């Protein structure tokens, strides 16, 4: 399932994010804001439980998130840029890390780090990466999480290419994809067009 979140604020902020003239500080702030806005939709199906609370006037039944805290798993390094925005909405969320990089010759993911809680089966897991390009890194990360016991996984990105969506669906048809935009295509180097450039470099000012 692919969900393109088409909210006016998301479209506005995404246009600023794409602009090559947007400086690093503003770029990071926009990624935070977009991730937080997208999290409203991506967390729509989190389970709730009833609790009894005391308001200033009376006792009532209210609802709170049930079970273990959600787990955010950014794909290093660019995925880190989405964590703060979502944690501002869900401060109790746990954070794991998956280190993957894309081999520029084969375009295949290479794993170099994996650190997550041991109780993945009890958590809703959100895999974060600003870009879904070829889909190789996303599919590889999700494969590793499933091997570690994850059962409920969602993938969140800011911009997706049709090729990446198709490849991720083929590898993991059970994993919903949430994105702010579905772009036109990949170029010969595996970059999304029109895209927003290299999200990691723009987030951390390394280019």
C-alpha atoms as a PDB file:
ATOM      1  CA  UNK A   1       0.000   0.000   0.000  1.00  0.00           C
ATOM      2  CA  UNK A   2       1.312   3.433  -0.987  1.00  0.00           C
ATOM      3  CA  UNK A   3      -0.010   6.558   0.742  1.00  0.00           C
ATOM      4  CA  UNK A   4       0.959   9.929  -0.709  1.00  0.00           C
ATOM      5  CA  UNK A   5       0.112  12.465   1.994  1.00  0.00           C
ATOM      6  CA  UNK A   6      -1.212  15.464   0.084  1.00  0.00           C
ATOM      7  CA  UNK A   7      -1.719  18.152   2.700  1.00  0.00           C
ATOM      8  CA  UNK A   8      -1.268  21.829   1.728  1.00  0.00           C
ATOM      9  CA  UNK A   9       1.349  22.379   4.447  1.00  0.00           C
ATOM     10  CA  UNK A  10       3.288  19.328   3.293  1.00  0.00           C
ATOM     11  CA  UNK A  11       3.252  20.507  -0.318  1.00  0.00           C
ATOM     12  CA  UNK A  12       4.402  23.978   0.720  1.00  0.00           C
ATOM     13  CA  UNK A  13       7.254  22.760   2.898  1.00  0.00           C
ATOM     14  CA  UNK A  14       8.309  20.171   0.330  1.00  0.00           C
ATOM     15  CA  UNK A  15       8.656  22.892  -2.311  1.00  0.00           C
ATOM     16  CA  UNK A  16      11.045  24.748  -0.006  1.00  0.00           C
ATOM     17  CA  UNK A  17      12.927  21.524   0.710  1.00  0.00           C
ATOM     18  CA  UNK A  18      13.453  20.848  -2.992  1.00  0.00           C
ATOM     19  CA  UNK A  19      14.822  24.341  -3.701  1.00  0.00           C
ATOM     20  CA  UNK A  20      18.580  24.180  -4.290  1.00  0.00           C
ATOM     21  CA  UNK A  21      18.945  27.559  -2.575  1.00  0.00           C
ATOM     22  CA  UNK A  22      17.576  26.325   0.773  1.00  0.00           C
ATOM     23  CA  UNK A  23      20.435  26.456   3.336  1.00  0.00           C
ATOM     24  CA  UNK A  24      21.389  23.540   5.571  1.00  0.00           C
ATOM     25  CA  UNK A  25      19.776  24.917   8.743  1.00  0.00           C
ATOM     26  CA  UNK A  26      16.416  25.517   7.048  1.00  0.00           C
ATOM     27  CA  UNK A  27      16.645  22.186   5.226  1.00  0.00           C
ATOM     28  CA  UNK A  28      16.958  20.334   8.559  1.00  0.00           C
ATOM     29  CA  UNK A  29      14.060  22.317  10.057  1.00  0.00           C
ATOM     30  CA  UNK A  30      11.870  21.486   7.065  1.00  0.00           C
ATOM     31  CA  UNK A  31      12.701  17.771   7.325  1.00  0.00           C
ATOM     32  CA  UNK A  32      11.716  17.892  11.015  1.00  0.00           C
ATOM     33  CA  UNK A  33       8.418  19.589  10.207  1.00  0.00           C
ATOM     34  CA  UNK A  34       7.571  17.302   7.295  1.00  0.00           C
ATOM     35  CA  UNK A  35       8.321  14.176   9.319  1.00  0.00           C
ATOM     36  CA  UNK A  36       6.097  15.403  12.140  1.00  0.00           C
ATOM     37  CA  UNK A  37       3.226  16.229   9.770  1.00  0.00           C
ATOM     38  CA  UNK A  38       3.531  12.879   8.027  1.00  0.00           C
ATOM     39  CA  UNK A  39       3.573  11.044  11.354  1.00  0.00           C
ATOM     40  CA  UNK A  40      -0.065  12.021  11.957  1.00  0.00           C
ATOM     41  CA  UNK A  41      -1.058   9.809   9.019  1.00  0.00           C
ATOM     42  CA  UNK A  42       1.526   7.068   9.486  1.00  0.00           C
ATOM     43  CA  UNK A  43       0.525   6.537  13.147  1.00  0.00           C
ATOM     44  CA  UNK A  44      -3.212   6.519  12.460  1.00  0.00           C
ATOM     45  CA  UNK A  45      -3.540   2.796  13.227  1.00  0.00           C
ATOM     46  CA  UNK A  46      -1.527   2.618  16.452  1.00  0.00           C
ATOM     47  CA  UNK A  47      -3.455   0.609  19.060  1.00  0.00           C
ATOM     48  CA  UNK A  48      -5.200   2.368  21.961  1.00  0.00           C
ATOM     49  CA  UNK A  49      -6.324   1.257  25.393  1.00  0.00           C
ATOM     50  CA  UNK A  50      -8.873   2.703  27.787  1.00  0.00           C
ATOM     51  CA  UNK A  51      -7.693   4.282  31.030  1.00  0.00           C
ATOM     52  CA  UNK A  52      -9.476   5.974  33.891  1.00  0.00           C
ATOM     53  CA  UNK A  53      -8.375   9.553  34.545  1.00  0.00           C
ATOM     54  CA  UNK A  54      -9.471  12.363  36.816  1.00  0.00           C
ATOM     55  CA  UNK A  55     -10.153  15.691  35.101  1.00  0.00           C
ATOM     56  CA  UNK A  56     -10.450  18.865  37.222  1.00  0.00           C
ATOM     57  CA  UNK A  57     -14.194  18.190  37.289  1.00  0.00           C
ATOM     58  CA  UNK A  58     -14.810  14.428  37.211  1.00  0.00           C
ATOM     59  CA  UNK A  59     -13.602  10.922  36.522  1.00  0.00           C
ATOM     60  CA  UNK A  60     -13.763   9.715  32.917  1.00  0.00           C
ATOM     61  CA  UNK A  61     -12.623   6.998  30.546  1.00  0.00           C
ATOM     62  CA  UNK A  62      -9.931   8.180  28.139  1.00  0.00           C
ATOM     63  CA  UNK A  63      -7.660   6.531  25.580  1.00  0.00           C
ATOM     64  CA  UNK A  64      -3.900   6.268  25.463  1.00  0.00           C
ATOM     65  CA  UNK A  65      -1.412   4.409  23.278  1.00  0.00           C
ATOM     66  CA  UNK A  66      -1.339   0.743  24.189  1.00  0.00           C
ATOM     67  CA  UNK A  67       1.556  -1.655  24.546  1.00  0.00           C
ATOM     68  CA  UNK A  68       5.224  -1.011  23.923  1.00  0.00           C
ATOM     69  CA  UNK A  69       6.414   2.354  22.670  1.00  0.00           C
ATOM     70  CA  UNK A  70       6.773   2.684  18.881  1.00  0.00           C
ATOM     71  CA  UNK A  71      10.252   2.186  17.464  1.00  0.00           C
ATOM     72  CA  UNK A  72      11.797   4.598  14.971  1.00  0.00           C
ATOM     73  CA  UNK A  73      14.544   3.069  12.833  1.00  0.00           C
ATOM     74  CA  UNK A  74      16.370   5.604  10.683  1.00  0.00           C
ATOM     75  CA  UNK A  75      18.537   4.286   7.885  1.00  0.00           C
ATOM     76  CA  UNK A  76      21.872   6.002   8.476  1.00  0.00           C
ATOM     77  CA  UNK A  77      22.737   8.634   7.824  1.00  0.00           C
ATOM     78  CA  UNK A  78      19.979  10.627   6.134  1.00  0.00           C
ATOM     79  CA  UNK A  79      17.199   8.879   8.064  1.00  0.00           C
ATOM     80  CA  UNK A  80      18.454  10.535  11.250  1.00  0.00           C
ATOM     81  CA  UNK A  81      17.044  13.795   9.942  1.00  0.00           C
ATOM     82  CA  UNK A  82      13.476  12.527  10.369  1.00  0.00           C
ATOM     83  CA  UNK A  83      13.789  11.321  13.963  1.00  0.00           C
ATOM     84  CA  UNK A  84      13.499  14.600  15.876  1.00  0.00           C
ATOM     85  CA  UNK A  85      10.323  15.678  14.123  1.00  0.00           C
ATOM     86  CA  UNK A  86       8.524  12.429  14.938  1.00  0.00           C
ATOM     87  CA  UNK A  87       9.851  12.320  18.514  1.00  0.00           C
ATOM     88  CA  UNK A  88       8.479  15.817  19.102  1.00  0.00           C
ATOM     89  CA  UNK A  89       5.099  14.192  18.467  1.00  0.00           C
ATOM     90  CA  UNK A  90       5.851  10.892  20.264  1.00  0.00           C
ATOM     91  CA  UNK A  91       8.517  11.666  22.896  1.00  0.00           C
ATOM     92  CA  UNK A  92       8.373   8.125  24.291  1.00  0.00           C
ATOM     93  CA  UNK A  93       9.330   6.511  20.969  1.00  0.00           C
ATOM     94  CA  UNK A  94      12.448   4.361  21.023  1.00  0.00           C
ATOM     95  CA  UNK A  95      15.126   4.735  18.352  1.00  0.00           C
ATOM     96  CA  UNK A  96      17.095   1.942  16.686  1.00  0.00           C
ATOM     97  CA  UNK A  97      19.668   2.342  13.919  1.00  0.00           C
ATOM     98  CA  UNK A  98      20.484   0.585  10.664  1.00  0.00           C
ATOM     99  CA  UNK A  99      23.637   1.558   8.811  1.00  0.00           C
ATOM    100  CA  UNK A 100      23.395   1.017   5.065  1.00  0.00           C
ATOM    101  CA  UNK A 101      25.076   2.671   2.141  1.00  0.00           C
ATOM    102  CA  UNK A 102      24.426   2.260  -1.558  1.00  0.00           C
ATOM    103  CA  UNK A 103      27.298   0.970  -3.669  1.00  0.00           C
ATOM    104  CA  UNK A 104      27.557   3.568  -6.437  1.00  0.00           C
ATOM    105  CA  UNK A 105      28.549   0.938  -9.018  1.00  0.00           C
ATOM    106  CA  UNK A 106      25.987  -1.780  -8.304  1.00  0.00           C
ATOM    107  CA  UNK A 107      23.390   0.475  -6.603  1.00  0.00           C
ATOM    108  CA  UNK A 108      22.963  -2.355  -4.054  1.00  0.00           C
ATOM    109  CA  UNK A 109      22.816  -1.739  -0.267  1.00  0.00           C
ATOM    110  CA  UNK A 110      25.762  -2.660   1.948  1.00  0.00           C
ATOM    111  CA  UNK A 111      25.040  -3.044   5.697  1.00  0.00           C
ATOM    112  CA  UNK A 112      27.575  -1.864   8.270  1.00  0.00           C
ATOM    113  CA  UNK A 113      25.535  -1.339  11.484  1.00  0.00           C
ATOM    114  CA  UNK A 114      22.408  -2.799  13.105  1.00  0.00           C
ATOM    115  CA  UNK A 115      21.171  -1.924  16.608  1.00  0.00           C
ATOM    116  CA  UNK A 116      17.545  -2.363  17.704  1.00  0.00           C
ATOM    117  CA  UNK A 117      15.693  -3.499  20.858  1.00  0.00           C
ATOM    118  CA  UNK A 118      15.221  -7.208  21.367  1.00  0.00           C
ATOM    119  CA  UNK A 119      11.418  -7.045  21.652  1.00  0.00           C
ATOM    120  CA  UNK A 120      10.619  -6.013  18.068  1.00  0.00           C
ATOM    121  CA  UNK A 121       7.589  -8.286  17.858  1.00  0.00           C
ATOM    122  CA  UNK A 122       5.829  -6.181  20.489  1.00  0.00           C
ATOM    123  CA  UNK A 123       6.466  -2.820  18.768  1.00  0.00           C
ATOM    124  CA  UNK A 124       5.185  -0.851  15.811  1.00  0.00           C
ATOM    125  CA  UNK A 125       8.305  -0.140  13.764  1.00  0.00           C
ATOM    126  CA  UNK A 126       8.745   2.902  11.519  1.00  0.00           C
ATOM    127  CA  UNK A 127      11.658   2.725   9.078  1.00  0.00           C
ATOM    128  CA  UNK A 128      12.806   6.232   8.116  1.00  0.00           C
ATOM    129  CA  UNK A 129      14.699   7.431   5.047  1.00  0.00           C
ATOM    130  CA  UNK A 130      14.070  10.748   3.266  1.00  0.00           C
ATOM    131  CA  UNK A 131      14.487   9.143  -0.166  1.00  0.00           C
ATOM    132  CA  UNK A 132      13.034   5.938  -1.636  1.00  0.00           C
ATOM    133  CA  UNK A 133      15.091   5.705  -4.824  1.00  0.00           C
ATOM    134  CA  UNK A 134      15.904   2.174  -6.043  1.00  0.00           C
ATOM    135  CA  UNK A 135      14.326   0.667  -2.930  1.00  0.00           C
ATOM    136  CA  UNK A 136      17.370  -1.496  -2.238  1.00  0.00           C
ATOM    137  CA  UNK A 137      18.328   0.074   1.089  1.00  0.00           C
ATOM    138  CA  UNK A 138      14.732   0.141   2.332  1.00  0.00           C
ATOM    139  CA  UNK A 139      14.137  -3.494   1.366  1.00  0.00           C
ATOM    140  CA  UNK A 140      17.423  -4.554   2.948  1.00  0.00           C
ATOM    141  CA  UNK A 141      16.656  -2.739   6.192  1.00  0.00           C
ATOM    142  CA  UNK A 142      13.177  -4.249   6.405  1.00  0.00           C
ATOM    143  CA  UNK A 143      14.557  -7.738   5.710  1.00  0.00           C
ATOM    144  CA  UNK A 144      16.960  -7.366   8.630  1.00  0.00           C
ATOM    145  CA  UNK A 145      14.196  -6.110  10.924  1.00  0.00           C
ATOM    146  CA  UNK A 146      11.961  -9.051  10.045  1.00  0.00           C
ATOM    147  CA  UNK A 147      14.816 -11.460  10.734  1.00  0.00           C
ATOM    148  CA  UNK A 148      15.173  -9.803  14.150  1.00  0.00           C
ATOM    149  CA  UNK A 149      11.480 -10.395  14.892  1.00  0.00           C
ATOM    150  CA  UNK A 150       9.626  -7.269  13.702  1.00  0.00           C
ATOM    151  CA  UNK A 151       6.023  -7.971  12.682  1.00  0.00           C
ATOM    152  CA  UNK A 152       4.430  -4.528  12.208  1.00  0.00           C
ATOM    153  CA  UNK A 153       6.568  -2.330   9.968  1.00  0.00           C
ATOM    154  CA  UNK A 154       5.837   0.907   8.109  1.00  0.00           C
ATOM    155  CA  UNK A 155       8.199   2.779   5.813  1.00  0.00           C
ATOM    156  CA  UNK A 156       8.277   6.591   5.773  1.00  0.00           C
ATOM    157  CA  UNK A 157      10.047   8.793   3.229  1.00  0.00           C
ATOM    158  CA  UNK A 158       9.750  12.338   1.952  1.00  0.00           C
ATOM    159  CA  UNK A 159      10.193  11.630  -1.757  1.00  0.00           C
ATOM    160  CA  UNK A 160       9.752   8.336  -3.623  1.00  0.00           C
ATOM    161  CA  UNK A 161      10.499   7.155  -7.140  1.00  0.00           C
ATOM    162  CA  UNK A 162       8.093   4.754  -8.901  1.00  0.00           C
ATOM    163  CA  UNK A 163      10.945   2.236  -9.311  1.00  0.00           C
ATOM    164  CA  UNK A 164      11.640   2.259  -5.575  1.00  0.00           C
ATOM    165  CA  UNK A 165       7.976   1.846  -4.690  1.00  0.00           C
ATOM    166  CA  UNK A 166       7.653  -1.098  -7.096  1.00  0.00           C
ATOM    167  CA  UNK A 167      10.811  -2.783  -5.796  1.00  0.00           C
ATOM    168  CA  UNK A 168       9.879  -2.338  -2.139  1.00  0.00           C
ATOM    169  CA  UNK A 169       6.357  -3.640  -2.765  1.00  0.00           C
ATOM    170  CA  UNK A 170       7.790  -6.658  -4.567  1.00  0.00           C
ATOM    171  CA  UNK A 171      10.196  -7.436  -1.719  1.00  0.00           C
ATOM    172  CA  UNK A 172       7.801  -6.639   1.154  1.00  0.00           C
ATOM    173  CA  UNK A 173       4.175  -6.399  -0.009  1.00  0.00           C
ATOM    174  CA  UNK A 174       2.991  -6.315   3.610  1.00  0.00           C
ATOM    175  CA  UNK A 175       4.810  -3.062   4.456  1.00  0.00           C
ATOM    176  CA  UNK A 176       2.853   0.187   3.901  1.00  0.00           C
ATOM    177  CA  UNK A 177       4.774   3.092   2.364  1.00  0.00           C
ATOM    178  CA  UNK A 178       4.090   6.692   3.378  1.00  0.00           C
ATOM    179  CA  UNK A 179       5.561   9.518   1.320  1.00  0.00           C
ATOM    180  CA  UNK A 180       5.076  13.243   0.791  1.00  0.00           C
ATOM    181  CA  UNK A 181       5.595  12.958  -2.974  1.00  0.00           C
ATOM    182  CA  UNK A 182       5.818  10.351  -5.734  1.00  0.00           C
ATOM    183  CA  UNK A 183       8.312  11.766  -8.224  1.00  0.00           C
ATOM    184  CA  UNK A 184       8.789  11.033 -11.931  1.00  0.00           C
ATOM    185  CA  UNK A 185      11.722   8.610 -12.251  1.00  0.00           C
ATOM    186  CA  UNK A 186      15.319   7.724 -11.464  1.00  0.00           C
ATOM    187  CA  UNK A 187      18.226   8.964 -13.547  1.00  0.00           C
ATOM    188  CA  UNK A 188      21.072   6.730 -14.754  1.00  0.00           C
ATOM    189  CA  UNK A 189      22.895   7.228 -11.434  1.00  0.00           C
ATOM    190  CA  UNK A 190      19.908   6.170  -9.338  1.00  0.00           C
ATOM    191  CA  UNK A 191      18.920   9.669  -8.186  1.00  0.00           C
ATOM    192  CA  UNK A 192      15.268  10.702  -7.989  1.00  0.00           C
ATOM    193  CA  UNK A 193      13.995  13.240 -10.543  1.00  0.00           C
ATOM    194  CA  UNK A 194      13.027  15.970  -9.871  1.00  0.00           C
ATOM    195  CA  UNK A 195      13.953  14.961  -6.309  1.00  0.00           C
ATOM    196  CA  UNK A 196      15.791  17.184  -3.860  1.00  0.00           C
ATOM    197  CA  UNK A 197      19.413  16.138  -4.313  1.00  0.00           C
ATOM    198  CA  UNK A 198      21.393  14.076  -1.811  1.00  0.00           C
ATOM    199  CA  UNK A 199      19.366  14.348   1.403  1.00  0.00           C
ATOM    200  CA  UNK A 200      22.295  13.340   3.628  1.00  0.00           C
ATOM    201  CA  UNK A 201      24.640  15.934   2.163  1.00  0.00           C
ATOM    202  CA  UNK A 202      21.996  18.648   2.391  1.00  0.00           C
ATOM    203  CA  UNK A 203      21.089  17.727   5.977  1.00  0.00           C
ATOM    204  CA  UNK A 204      24.645  17.675   7.270  1.00  0.00           C
ATOM    205  CA  UNK A 205      26.280  20.236   4.994  1.00  0.00           C
ATOM    206  CA  UNK A 206      28.817  17.796   3.579  1.00  0.00           C
ATOM    207  CA  UNK A 207      28.648  18.908  -0.033  1.00  0.00           C
END
